[in-house]
Amino acid sequence: MKRVVYVTGCLGLIGSHVTRACLEKGWFVRGVDSVTYAATANIEEFFAYENFTFEESDINDIERLYNCDYIINTAAETHVDNSILSSDVFLKSNINGVHHLLELIKEAKHKPTLLHFSTDEVYGDLVDGFHAETDLLKPSNPYSATKAAADQLILAWARTFDVPYVIVRPTNNYGIGQYIEKFIPTSVKALSLGRPIPLHDAGLPKRTWLHASDTAAAIITLIEAGVQNDIFNISGNYEEQNIVVAKKIIDMYYLGGCNGRYDEHLNTGIKRQGQDVRYAIDDTKIKALGWMPKADFDTELKAIVDHYAKNFIW
């Protein structure tokens, strides 16, 4: 079945992978992006598809919705450090923007499903075990607080106004084309400049890594399964401390390693306020629909390091 979908934030890392996956299915895609600093995808790739149209707009400024089946909302401010420095833009995009989309759907004659990207960070951290979709939300920083607030808005609009929804909460996404502020490209850029990789809290926090192509495949799975009014965790298949990932990047960048001299390439003295020690989620629900992450972390990481070692990140 062909579908008509909006993808907001279509030029970001996750949004571009979702857009590409939908176009390859033959679906009609209307990409929306305000083309901020984090818009890294090449839109000319998407214009090569006859089933793609583009609207340059902030999600707060969309005036009307064309008839569609889904609004896949990947548009967001996402960098925790930026949210700690200044949270205003995070409230505007992550809360007000979602509210605006909900109001547009509420007033639509045929209400599309809002497939909204949340984050595993809304649960807060935990040392052992895994968070399920039914767990209490306990965000630790301004970014995750705005994402949790959006989740609550969606649930309220669903109950009061019958707005259909699917909320997804993925783990750390990665891939070529991610903006420089994120951990992997930041690390490669630091090495390219002969500077140490900045690591929060001695690099001890753990994260689970999910390739953006696997995230996009999960979205296709959910849409084709026809799920409605539900929440799904989406986990990657690689969990590790940040310092271990940083050392992998150093070894890959220096083509065979740095002979164990990691300290000169690492700055472990940075503290992040409200740091979460570990995120981990149980994604049994989506795996029951037939989805599994396929990307091998080490293979993909090597490709990313090679790419940015040859293409300087501005």
C-alpha atoms as a PDB file:
ATOM      1  CA  MET A   1       0.000   0.000   0.000  1.00  0.00           C
ATOM      2  CA  LYS A   2       1.318   3.436  -0.927  1.00  0.00           C
ATOM      3  CA  ARG A   3       1.175   6.037   1.797  1.00  0.00           C
ATOM      4  CA  VAL A   4       1.412   9.807   2.039  1.00  0.00           C
ATOM      5  CA  VAL A   5       3.708  10.981   4.831  1.00  0.00           C
ATOM      6  CA  TYR A   6       5.241  14.146   6.169  1.00  0.00           C
ATOM      7  CA  VAL A   7       8.781  13.895   7.528  1.00  0.00           C
ATOM      8  CA  THR A   8       9.650  16.909   9.656  1.00  0.00           C
ATOM      9  CA  GLY A   9      13.338  17.515  10.179  1.00  0.00           C
ATOM     10  CA  CYS A  10      13.942  15.675   6.903  1.00  0.00           C
ATOM     11  CA  LEU A  11      17.488  17.043   6.481  1.00  0.00           C
ATOM     12  CA  GLY A  12      18.820  15.870   9.843  1.00  0.00           C
ATOM     13  CA  LEU A  13      20.508  12.528  10.449  1.00  0.00           C
ATOM     14  CA  ILE A  14      17.440  10.529  11.498  1.00  0.00           C
ATOM     15  CA  GLY A  15      15.012  12.480   9.335  1.00  0.00           C
ATOM     16  CA  SER A  16      17.069  11.960   6.192  1.00  0.00           C
ATOM     17  CA  HIS A  17      17.300   8.211   6.769  1.00  0.00           C
ATOM     18  CA  VAL A  18      13.545   8.024   7.381  1.00  0.00           C
ATOM     19  CA  THR A  19      12.867  10.125   4.279  1.00  0.00           C
ATOM     20  CA  ARG A  20      15.096   7.890   2.178  1.00  0.00           C
ATOM     21  CA  ALA A  21      13.410   4.723   3.496  1.00  0.00           C
ATOM     22  CA  CYS A  22       9.917   6.073   2.773  1.00  0.00           C
ATOM     23  CA  LEU A  23      10.852   7.201  -0.737  1.00  0.00           C
ATOM     24  CA  GLU A  24      12.365   3.814  -1.497  1.00  0.00           C
ATOM     25  CA  LYS A  25       9.031   2.241  -0.521  1.00  0.00           C
ATOM     26  CA  GLY A  26       7.399   4.381  -3.207  1.00  0.00           C
ATOM     27  CA  TRP A  27       5.487   6.455  -0.660  1.00  0.00           C
ATOM     28  CA  PHE A  28       4.725  10.111  -1.273  1.00  0.00           C
ATOM     29  CA  VAL A  29       6.861  12.201   1.066  1.00  0.00           C
ATOM     30  CA  ARG A  30       6.557  15.865   1.956  1.00  0.00           C
ATOM     31  CA  GLY A  31       9.759  16.836   3.691  1.00  0.00           C
ATOM     32  CA  VAL A  32       9.699  19.751   6.104  1.00  0.00           C
ATOM     33  CA  ASP A  33      12.843  21.362   7.481  1.00  0.00           C
ATOM     34  CA  SER A  34      13.766  24.808   8.737  1.00  0.00           C
ATOM     35  CA  VAL A  35      17.329  24.237   7.445  1.00  0.00           C
ATOM     36  CA  THR A  36      19.091  25.012  10.688  1.00  0.00           C
ATOM     37  CA  TYR A  37      22.753  24.387  11.449  1.00  0.00           C
ATOM     38  CA  ALA A  38      22.009  20.670  11.963  1.00  0.00           C
ATOM     39  CA  ALA A  39      20.549  20.135   8.470  1.00  0.00           C
ATOM     40  CA  THR A  40      23.324  18.073   6.913  1.00  0.00           C
ATOM     41  CA  ALA A  41      21.598  15.924   4.261  1.00  0.00           C
ATOM     42  CA  ASN A  42      21.846  16.764   0.564  1.00  0.00           C
ATOM     43  CA  ILE A  43      18.303  17.640  -0.477  1.00  0.00           C
ATOM     44  CA  GLU A  44      19.182  17.159  -4.154  1.00  0.00           C
ATOM     45  CA  GLU A  45      19.201  13.421  -3.462  1.00  0.00           C
ATOM     46  CA  PHE A  46      15.537  13.597  -2.497  1.00  0.00           C
ATOM     47  CA  PHE A  47      14.535  15.872  -5.380  1.00  0.00           C
ATOM     48  CA  ALA A  48      15.618  13.050  -7.686  1.00  0.00           C
ATOM     49  CA  TYR A  49      12.468  11.231  -6.552  1.00  0.00           C
ATOM     50  CA  GLU A  50       9.225  12.255  -8.239  1.00  0.00           C
ATOM     51  CA  ASN A  51       7.346  11.334  -5.051  1.00  0.00           C
ATOM     52  CA  PHE A  52       9.146  13.984  -2.955  1.00  0.00           C
ATOM     53  CA  THR A  53       8.149  17.578  -2.245  1.00  0.00           C
ATOM     54  CA  PHE A  54       9.774  20.006   0.158  1.00  0.00           C
ATOM     55  CA  GLU A  55       8.538  22.738   2.471  1.00  0.00           C
ATOM     56  CA  GLU A  56      11.135  24.958   4.132  1.00  0.00           C
ATOM     57  CA  SER A  57       9.486  25.738   7.442  1.00  0.00           C
ATOM     58  CA  ASP A  58       9.807  25.530  11.187  1.00  0.00           C
ATOM     59  CA  ILE A  59       7.210  23.099  12.540  1.00  0.00           C
ATOM     60  CA  ASN A  60       5.763  25.985  14.557  1.00  0.00           C
ATOM     61  CA  ASP A  61       5.039  27.823  11.302  1.00  0.00           C
ATOM     62  CA  ILE A  62       3.318  25.113   9.233  1.00  0.00           C
ATOM     63  CA  GLU A  63       0.036  26.743   8.217  1.00  0.00           C
ATOM     64  CA  ARG A  64      -1.889  23.752   6.900  1.00  0.00           C
ATOM     65  CA  LEU A  65      -1.654  20.027   6.390  1.00  0.00           C
ATOM     66  CA  TYR A  66      -2.259  18.317   3.096  1.00  0.00           C
ATOM     67  CA  ASN A  67      -4.182  15.074   3.346  1.00  0.00           C
ATOM     68  CA  CYS A  68      -1.733  12.499   4.605  1.00  0.00           C
ATOM     69  CA  ASP A  69      -1.504   9.249   6.537  1.00  0.00           C
ATOM     70  CA  TYR A  70       1.383  10.037   8.886  1.00  0.00           C
ATOM     71  CA  ILE A  71       3.353  12.957  10.217  1.00  0.00           C
ATOM     72  CA  ILE A  72       6.731  11.534  11.185  1.00  0.00           C
ATOM     73  CA  ASN A  73       8.179  14.137  13.513  1.00  0.00           C
ATOM     74  CA  THR A  74      11.958  14.000  13.788  1.00  0.00           C
ATOM     75  CA  ALA A  75      12.315  17.790  14.073  1.00  0.00           C
ATOM     76  CA  ALA A  76      13.878  18.709  17.404  1.00  0.00           C
ATOM     77  CA  GLU A  77      16.710  20.370  19.245  1.00  0.00           C
ATOM     78  CA  THR A  78      18.687  17.427  20.601  1.00  0.00           C
ATOM     79  CA  HIS A  79      22.081  18.371  22.045  1.00  0.00           C
ATOM     80  CA  VAL A  80      22.134  18.065  25.840  1.00  0.00           C
ATOM     81  CA  ASP A  81      25.035  20.491  26.343  1.00  0.00           C
ATOM     82  CA  ASN A  82      23.227  23.166  24.322  1.00  0.00           C
ATOM     83  CA  SER A  83      20.082  22.690  26.407  1.00  0.00           C
ATOM     84  CA  ILE A  84      22.074  23.209  29.592  1.00  0.00           C
ATOM     85  CA  LEU A  85      23.571  26.439  28.264  1.00  0.00           C
ATOM     86  CA  SER A  86      20.235  27.790  26.983  1.00  0.00           C
ATOM     87  CA  SER A  87      16.904  25.973  27.048  1.00  0.00           C
ATOM     88  CA  ASP A  88      14.593  28.493  25.319  1.00  0.00           C
ATOM     89  CA  VAL A  89      14.986  27.102  21.795  1.00  0.00           C
ATOM     90  CA  PHE A  90      14.407  23.579  23.133  1.00  0.00           C
ATOM     91  CA  LEU A  91      11.033  24.590  24.565  1.00  0.00           C
ATOM     92  CA  LYS A  92      10.104  26.294  21.284  1.00  0.00           C
ATOM     93  CA  SER A  93      10.948  23.325  19.073  1.00  0.00           C
ATOM     94  CA  ASN A  94      10.392  20.299  21.286  1.00  0.00           C
ATOM     95  CA  ILE A  95       7.275  21.432  23.157  1.00  0.00           C
ATOM     96  CA  ASN A  96       5.633  24.298  21.272  1.00  0.00           C
ATOM     97  CA  GLY A  97       6.386  22.669  17.922  1.00  0.00           C
ATOM     98  CA  VAL A  98       4.752  19.404  18.945  1.00  0.00           C
ATOM     99  CA  HIS A  99       1.777  21.308  20.335  1.00  0.00           C
ATOM    100  CA  HIS A 100       1.378  23.042  16.979  1.00  0.00           C
ATOM    101  CA  LEU A 101       1.423  19.725  15.115  1.00  0.00           C
ATOM    102  CA  LEU A 102      -1.174  18.311  17.500  1.00  0.00           C
ATOM    103  CA  GLU A 103      -3.435  21.284  16.896  1.00  0.00           C
ATOM    104  CA  LEU A 104      -3.108  20.897  13.130  1.00  0.00           C
ATOM    105  CA  ILE A 105      -4.017  17.216  13.387  1.00  0.00           C
ATOM    106  CA  LYS A 106      -6.882  17.930  15.761  1.00  0.00           C
ATOM    107  CA  GLU A 107      -8.476  20.258  13.217  1.00  0.00           C
ATOM    108  CA  ALA A 108      -7.866  18.010  10.186  1.00  0.00           C
ATOM    109  CA  LYS A 109     -10.899  16.425   8.546  1.00  0.00           C
ATOM    110  CA  HIS A 110      -9.071  13.103   8.309  1.00  0.00           C
ATOM    111  CA  LYS A 111      -6.631  12.963  11.200  1.00  0.00           C
ATOM    112  CA  PRO A 112      -3.199  11.566  10.277  1.00  0.00           C
ATOM    113  CA  THR A 113      -1.176   9.611  12.822  1.00  0.00           C
ATOM    114  CA  LEU A 114       1.550  11.567  14.584  1.00  0.00           C
ATOM    115  CA  LEU A 115       4.580   9.271  14.667  1.00  0.00           C
ATOM    116  CA  HIS A 116       6.721  11.174  17.105  1.00  0.00           C
ATOM    117  CA  PHE A 117      10.394  10.722  17.899  1.00  0.00           C
ATOM    118  CA  SER A 118      11.012  10.857  21.614  1.00  0.00           C
ATOM    119  CA  THR A 119      14.197   9.493  23.235  1.00  0.00           C
ATOM    120  CA  ASP A 120      15.376   6.866  25.702  1.00  0.00           C
ATOM    121  CA  GLU A 121      16.579   9.780  27.830  1.00  0.00           C
ATOM    122  CA  VAL A 122      13.042  10.560  29.029  1.00  0.00           C
ATOM    123  CA  TYR A 123      13.283   7.632  31.460  1.00  0.00           C
ATOM    124  CA  GLY A 124      16.396   9.002  33.144  1.00  0.00           C
ATOM    125  CA  ASP A 125      19.323   6.779  33.945  1.00  0.00           C
ATOM    126  CA  LEU A 126      19.714   3.421  35.661  1.00  0.00           C
ATOM    127  CA  VAL A 127      22.696   1.355  36.684  1.00  0.00           C
ATOM    128  CA  ASP A 128      21.255  -2.095  35.997  1.00  0.00           C
ATOM    129  CA  GLY A 129      18.328  -3.494  34.035  1.00  0.00           C
ATOM    130  CA  PHE A 130      16.260  -1.940  31.267  1.00  0.00           C
ATOM    131  CA  HIS A 131      13.427   0.567  31.013  1.00  0.00           C
ATOM    132  CA  ALA A 132      10.098  -0.567  29.586  1.00  0.00           C
ATOM    133  CA  GLU A 133       7.629   1.680  27.785  1.00  0.00           C
ATOM    134  CA  THR A 134       5.400   1.748  30.871  1.00  0.00           C
ATOM    135  CA  ASP A 135       8.102   3.059  33.218  1.00  0.00           C
ATOM    136  CA  LEU A 136       7.885   6.425  34.912  1.00  0.00           C
ATOM    137  CA  LEU A 137       9.482   9.333  33.033  1.00  0.00           C
ATOM    138  CA  LYS A 138      12.297  10.939  35.053  1.00  0.00           C
ATOM    139  CA  PRO A 139      14.278  13.209  32.711  1.00  0.00           C
ATOM    140  CA  SER A 140      17.553  14.581  34.052  1.00  0.00           C
ATOM    141  CA  ASN A 141      18.342  17.572  31.834  1.00  0.00           C
ATOM    142  CA  PRO A 142      16.487  20.338  29.963  1.00  0.00           C
ATOM    143  CA  TYR A 143      16.627  18.465  26.637  1.00  0.00           C
ATOM    144  CA  SER A 144      15.090  15.246  27.935  1.00  0.00           C
ATOM    145  CA  ALA A 145      12.585  17.232  30.006  1.00  0.00           C
ATOM    146  CA  THR A 146      11.254  18.907  26.863  1.00  0.00           C
ATOM    147  CA  LYS A 147      10.976  15.544  25.120  1.00  0.00           C
ATOM    148  CA  ALA A 148       9.103  14.055  28.082  1.00  0.00           C
ATOM    149  CA  ALA A 149       6.760  17.052  28.077  1.00  0.00           C
ATOM    150  CA  ALA A 150       5.998  16.476  24.404  1.00  0.00           C
ATOM    151  CA  ASP A 151       5.192  12.836  25.112  1.00  0.00           C
ATOM    152  CA  GLN A 152       2.686  13.922  27.745  1.00  0.00           C
ATOM    153  CA  LEU A 153       1.089  16.425  25.373  1.00  0.00           C
ATOM    154  CA  ILE A 154       0.605  13.701  22.775  1.00  0.00           C
ATOM    155  CA  LEU A 155      -1.034  11.348  25.267  1.00  0.00           C
ATOM    156  CA  ALA A 156      -3.350  14.134  26.434  1.00  0.00           C
ATOM    157  CA  TRP A 157      -4.377  15.160  22.893  1.00  0.00           C
ATOM    158  CA  ALA A 158      -4.980  11.502  22.060  1.00  0.00           C
ATOM    159  CA  ARG A 159      -7.359  11.082  24.988  1.00  0.00           C
ATOM    160  CA  THR A 160      -9.148  14.432  24.734  1.00  0.00           C
ATOM    161  CA  PHE A 161      -9.196  15.022  20.958  1.00  0.00           C
ATOM    162  CA  ASP A 162      -8.727  11.499  19.532  1.00  0.00           C
ATOM    163  CA  VAL A 163      -5.438  12.411  17.884  1.00  0.00           C
ATOM    164  CA  PRO A 164      -3.853   9.108  16.733  1.00  0.00           C
ATOM    165  CA  TYR A 165      -0.211   8.638  17.657  1.00  0.00           C
ATOM    166  CA  VAL A 166       2.808   6.377  17.840  1.00  0.00           C
ATOM    167  CA  ILE A 167       5.693   7.441  20.088  1.00  0.00           C
ATOM    168  CA  VAL A 168       9.146   5.947  19.529  1.00  0.00           C
ATOM    169  CA  ARG A 169      12.007   6.178  22.021  1.00  0.00           C
ATOM    170  CA  PRO A 170      15.294   5.220  20.346  1.00  0.00           C
ATOM    171  CA  THR A 171      18.760   4.962  21.851  1.00  0.00           C
ATOM    172  CA  ASN A 172      21.781   6.982  20.642  1.00  0.00           C
ATOM    173  CA  ASN A 173      21.665   7.278  16.855  1.00  0.00           C
ATOM    174  CA  TYR A 174      24.817   7.488  14.761  1.00  0.00           C
ATOM    175  CA  GLY A 175      25.834   7.532  11.103  1.00  0.00           C
ATOM    176  CA  ILE A 176      27.626   9.528   8.425  1.00  0.00           C
ATOM    177  CA  GLY A 177      26.091  12.984   8.154  1.00  0.00           C
ATOM    178  CA  GLN A 178      25.553  13.556  11.852  1.00  0.00           C
ATOM    179  CA  TYR A 179      26.219  17.125  12.929  1.00  0.00           C
ATOM    180  CA  ILE A 180      29.593  17.908  14.464  1.00  0.00           C
ATOM    181  CA  GLU A 181      28.249  18.508  17.994  1.00  0.00           C
ATOM    182  CA  LYS A 182      27.582  14.780  18.473  1.00  0.00           C
ATOM    183  CA  PHE A 183      30.108  12.441  20.059  1.00  0.00           C
ATOM    184  CA  ILE A 184      31.512  10.471  17.114  1.00  0.00           C
ATOM    185  CA  PRO A 185      32.061  13.347  14.635  1.00  0.00           C
ATOM    186  CA  THR A 186      33.330  15.562  17.465  1.00  0.00           C
ATOM    187  CA  SER A 187      35.912  12.912  18.323  1.00  0.00           C
ATOM    188  CA  VAL A 188      37.154  12.564  14.748  1.00  0.00           C
ATOM    189  CA  LYS A 189      37.369  16.332  14.311  1.00  0.00           C
ATOM    190  CA  ALA A 190      39.399  16.658  17.509  1.00  0.00           C
ATOM    191  CA  LEU A 191      41.889  14.064  16.256  1.00  0.00           C
ATOM    192  CA  SER A 192      42.066  15.797  12.862  1.00  0.00           C
ATOM    193  CA  LEU A 193      43.074  18.989  14.644  1.00  0.00           C
ATOM    194  CA  GLY A 194      45.595  17.250  16.893  1.00  0.00           C
ATOM    195  CA  ARG A 195      43.443  17.915  19.950  1.00  0.00           C
ATOM    196  CA  PRO A 196      42.213  15.530  22.656  1.00  0.00           C
ATOM    197  CA  ILE A 197      38.724  14.052  22.444  1.00  0.00           C
ATOM    198  CA  PRO A 198      36.488  15.737  25.054  1.00  0.00           C
ATOM    199  CA  LEU A 199      34.895  13.158  27.381  1.00  0.00           C
ATOM    200  CA  HIS A 200      32.351  13.965  30.064  1.00  0.00           C
ATOM    201  CA  ASP A 201      32.834  12.424  33.513  1.00  0.00           C
ATOM    202  CA  ALA A 202      35.997  10.516  32.646  1.00  0.00           C
ATOM    203  CA  GLY A 203      34.163   8.758  29.812  1.00  0.00           C
ATOM    204  CA  LEU A 204      32.474   6.358  32.248  1.00  0.00           C
ATOM    205  CA  PRO A 205      28.796   6.885  31.223  1.00  0.00           C
ATOM    206  CA  LYS A 206      27.363   4.085  29.084  1.00  0.00           C
ATOM    207  CA  ARG A 207      25.286   4.537  25.952  1.00  0.00           C
ATOM    208  CA  THR A 208      23.604   2.138  23.526  1.00  0.00           C
ATOM    209  CA  TRP A 209      24.260   2.835  19.835  1.00  0.00           C
ATOM    210  CA  LEU A 210      21.666   2.507  17.063  1.00  0.00           C
ATOM    211  CA  HIS A 211      22.509   3.176  13.419  1.00  0.00           C
ATOM    212  CA  ALA A 212      20.115   5.640  11.766  1.00  0.00           C
ATOM    213  CA  SER A 213      19.383   3.151   8.976  1.00  0.00           C
ATOM    214  CA  ASP A 214      18.115   0.680  11.582  1.00  0.00           C
ATOM    215  CA  THR A 215      15.993   3.441  13.099  1.00  0.00           C
ATOM    216  CA  ALA A 216      14.420   4.135   9.707  1.00  0.00           C
ATOM    217  CA  ALA A 217      13.739   0.427   9.226  1.00  0.00           C
ATOM    218  CA  ALA A 218      11.960   0.398  12.586  1.00  0.00           C
ATOM    219  CA  ILE A 219       9.683   3.217  11.442  1.00  0.00           C
ATOM    220  CA  ILE A 220       8.776   1.346   8.263  1.00  0.00           C
ATOM    221  CA  THR A 221       8.026  -1.736  10.387  1.00  0.00           C
ATOM    222  CA  LEU A 222       5.677   0.209  12.670  1.00  0.00           C
ATOM    223  CA  ILE A 223       3.811   1.869   9.818  1.00  0.00           C
ATOM    224  CA  GLU A 224       3.395  -1.335   7.855  1.00  0.00           C
ATOM    225  CA  ALA A 225       2.192  -3.119  11.004  1.00  0.00           C
ATOM    226  CA  GLY A 226      -0.511  -0.465  11.388  1.00  0.00           C
ATOM    227  CA  VAL A 227       0.081   0.054  15.102  1.00  0.00           C
ATOM    228  CA  GLN A 228      -1.831   2.931  16.689  1.00  0.00           C
ATOM    229  CA  ASN A 229      -1.856   4.744  20.009  1.00  0.00           C
ATOM    230  CA  ASP A 230       1.177   2.978  21.422  1.00  0.00           C
ATOM    231  CA  ILE A 231       4.775   3.583  22.525  1.00  0.00           C
ATOM    232  CA  PHE A 232       7.811   1.631  21.314  1.00  0.00           C
ATOM    233  CA  ASN A 233      11.385   1.568  22.551  1.00  0.00           C
ATOM    234  CA  ILE A 234      13.992   1.105  19.802  1.00  0.00           C
ATOM    235  CA  SER A 235      17.373  -0.097  21.020  1.00  0.00           C
ATOM    236  CA  GLY A 236      20.655  -0.499  19.227  1.00  0.00           C
ATOM    237  CA  ASN A 237      22.792  -3.613  19.547  1.00  0.00           C
ATOM    238  CA  TYR A 238      25.931  -2.119  21.077  1.00  0.00           C
ATOM    239  CA  GLU A 239      26.233  -0.804  24.658  1.00  0.00           C
ATOM    240  CA  GLU A 240      29.522   0.521  25.967  1.00  0.00           C
ATOM    241  CA  GLN A 241      31.213   3.204  28.030  1.00  0.00           C
ATOM    242  CA  ASN A 242      32.025   6.366  26.103  1.00  0.00           C
ATOM    243  CA  ILE A 243      35.738   5.996  26.830  1.00  0.00           C
ATOM    244  CA  VAL A 244      35.783   2.583  25.145  1.00  0.00           C
ATOM    245  CA  VAL A 245      34.144   4.055  22.024  1.00  0.00           C
ATOM    246  CA  ALA A 246      36.635   6.931  22.075  1.00  0.00           C
ATOM    247  CA  LYS A 247      39.546   4.483  22.187  1.00  0.00           C
ATOM    248  CA  LYS A 248      38.077   2.572  19.243  1.00  0.00           C
ATOM    249  CA  ILE A 249      37.908   5.839  17.300  1.00  0.00           C
ATOM    250  CA  ILE A 250      41.553   6.609  18.151  1.00  0.00           C
ATOM    251  CA  ASP A 251      42.678   3.161  17.018  1.00  0.00           C
ATOM    252  CA  MET A 252      40.722   3.444  13.758  1.00  0.00           C
ATOM    253  CA  TYR A 253      41.913   6.988  13.065  1.00  0.00           C
ATOM    254  CA  TYR A 254      45.567   6.124  13.522  1.00  0.00           C
ATOM    255  CA  LEU A 255      45.304   2.998  11.351  1.00  0.00           C
ATOM    256  CA  GLY A 256      46.443   0.322  13.720  1.00  0.00           C
ATOM    257  CA  GLY A 257      46.334   2.178  16.983  1.00  0.00           C
ATOM    258  CA  CYS A 258      48.322   4.656  18.976  1.00  0.00           C
ATOM    259  CA  ASN A 259      50.465   2.048  20.764  1.00  0.00           C
ATOM    260  CA  GLY A 260      48.350   2.344  23.884  1.00  0.00           C
ATOM    261  CA  ARG A 261      49.056   6.067  24.325  1.00  0.00           C
ATOM    262  CA  TYR A 262      45.408   6.984  24.735  1.00  0.00           C
ATOM    263  CA  ASP A 263      45.850   9.581  27.482  1.00  0.00           C
ATOM    264  CA  GLU A 264      47.410  12.144  25.153  1.00  0.00           C
ATOM    265  CA  HIS A 265      44.343  11.899  22.898  1.00  0.00           C
ATOM    266  CA  LEU A 266      41.690  12.126  25.639  1.00  0.00           C
ATOM    267  CA  ASN A 267      40.433  14.985  27.805  1.00  0.00           C
ATOM    268  CA  THR A 268      38.613  13.251  30.645  1.00  0.00           C
ATOM    269  CA  GLY A 269      38.358  16.250  32.960  1.00  0.00           C
ATOM    270  CA  ILE A 270      35.022  17.625  31.713  1.00  0.00           C
ATOM    271  CA  LYS A 271      31.966  17.485  33.986  1.00  0.00           C
ATOM    272  CA  ARG A 272      28.397  17.646  32.670  1.00  0.00           C
ATOM    273  CA  GLN A 273      25.689  18.885  35.023  1.00  0.00           C
ATOM    274  CA  GLY A 274      22.974  16.294  35.591  1.00  0.00           C
ATOM    275  CA  GLN A 275      24.960  13.581  33.803  1.00  0.00           C
ATOM    276  CA  ASP A 276      23.161  10.279  33.280  1.00  0.00           C
ATOM    277  CA  VAL A 277      25.382   7.282  33.980  1.00  0.00           C
ATOM    278  CA  ARG A 278      23.556   4.812  31.716  1.00  0.00           C
ATOM    279  CA  TYR A 279      20.524   4.577  29.452  1.00  0.00           C
ATOM    280  CA  ALA A 280      19.130   1.151  28.613  1.00  0.00           C
ATOM    281  CA  ILE A 281      15.745   0.135  27.233  1.00  0.00           C
ATOM    282  CA  ASP A 282      13.784  -3.041  26.633  1.00  0.00           C
ATOM    283  CA  ASP A 283      12.554  -3.092  23.025  1.00  0.00           C
ATOM    284  CA  THR A 284      10.809  -6.474  23.095  1.00  0.00           C
ATOM    285  CA  LYS A 285       7.602  -4.901  21.734  1.00  0.00           C
ATOM    286  CA  ILE A 286       9.015  -3.761  18.407  1.00  0.00           C
ATOM    287  CA  LYS A 287      11.111  -6.893  17.989  1.00  0.00           C
ATOM    288  CA  ALA A 288       7.872  -8.887  18.268  1.00  0.00           C
ATOM    289  CA  LEU A 289       6.825  -7.132  15.029  1.00  0.00           C
ATOM    290  CA  GLY A 290       9.846  -8.570  13.220  1.00  0.00           C
ATOM    291  CA  TRP A 291      12.319  -5.683  13.488  1.00  0.00           C
ATOM    292  CA  MET A 292      15.923  -6.193  14.552  1.00  0.00           C
ATOM    293  CA  PRO A 293      18.923  -3.845  14.348  1.00  0.00           C
ATOM    294  CA  LYS A 294      21.283  -5.063  11.624  1.00  0.00           C
ATOM    295  CA  ALA A 295      24.202  -2.627  11.560  1.00  0.00           C
ATOM    296  CA  ASP A 296      27.454  -3.831  13.110  1.00  0.00           C
ATOM    297  CA  PHE A 297      28.790  -1.039  15.307  1.00  0.00           C
ATOM    298  CA  ASP A 298      32.497  -1.594  14.703  1.00  0.00           C
ATOM    299  CA  THR A 299      32.025  -1.859  10.945  1.00  0.00           C
ATOM    300  CA  GLU A 300      29.923   1.294  10.768  1.00  0.00           C
ATOM    301  CA  LEU A 301      32.204   3.185  13.147  1.00  0.00           C
ATOM    302  CA  LYS A 302      35.214   2.398  10.962  1.00  0.00           C
ATOM    303  CA  ALA A 303      33.360   3.718   7.895  1.00  0.00           C
ATOM    304  CA  ILE A 304      32.432   6.911   9.745  1.00  0.00           C
ATOM    305  CA  VAL A 305      35.978   7.495  11.009  1.00  0.00           C
ATOM    306  CA  ASP A 306      37.412   6.874   7.528  1.00  0.00           C
ATOM    307  CA  HIS A 307      34.873   9.241   5.977  1.00  0.00           C
ATOM    308  CA  TYR A 308      35.558  12.128   8.339  1.00  0.00           C
ATOM    309  CA  ALA A 309      39.302  11.535   8.333  1.00  0.00           C
ATOM    310  CA  LYS A 310      39.154  12.256   4.576  1.00  0.00           C
ATOM    311  CA  ASN A 311      36.435  14.918   4.716  1.00  0.00           C
ATOM    312  CA  PHE A 312      37.078  17.606   7.332  1.00  0.00           C
ATOM    313  CA  ILE A 313      34.009  18.539   9.367  1.00  0.00           C
ATOM    314  CA  TRP A 314      33.470  22.282   9.540  1.00  0.00           C
END
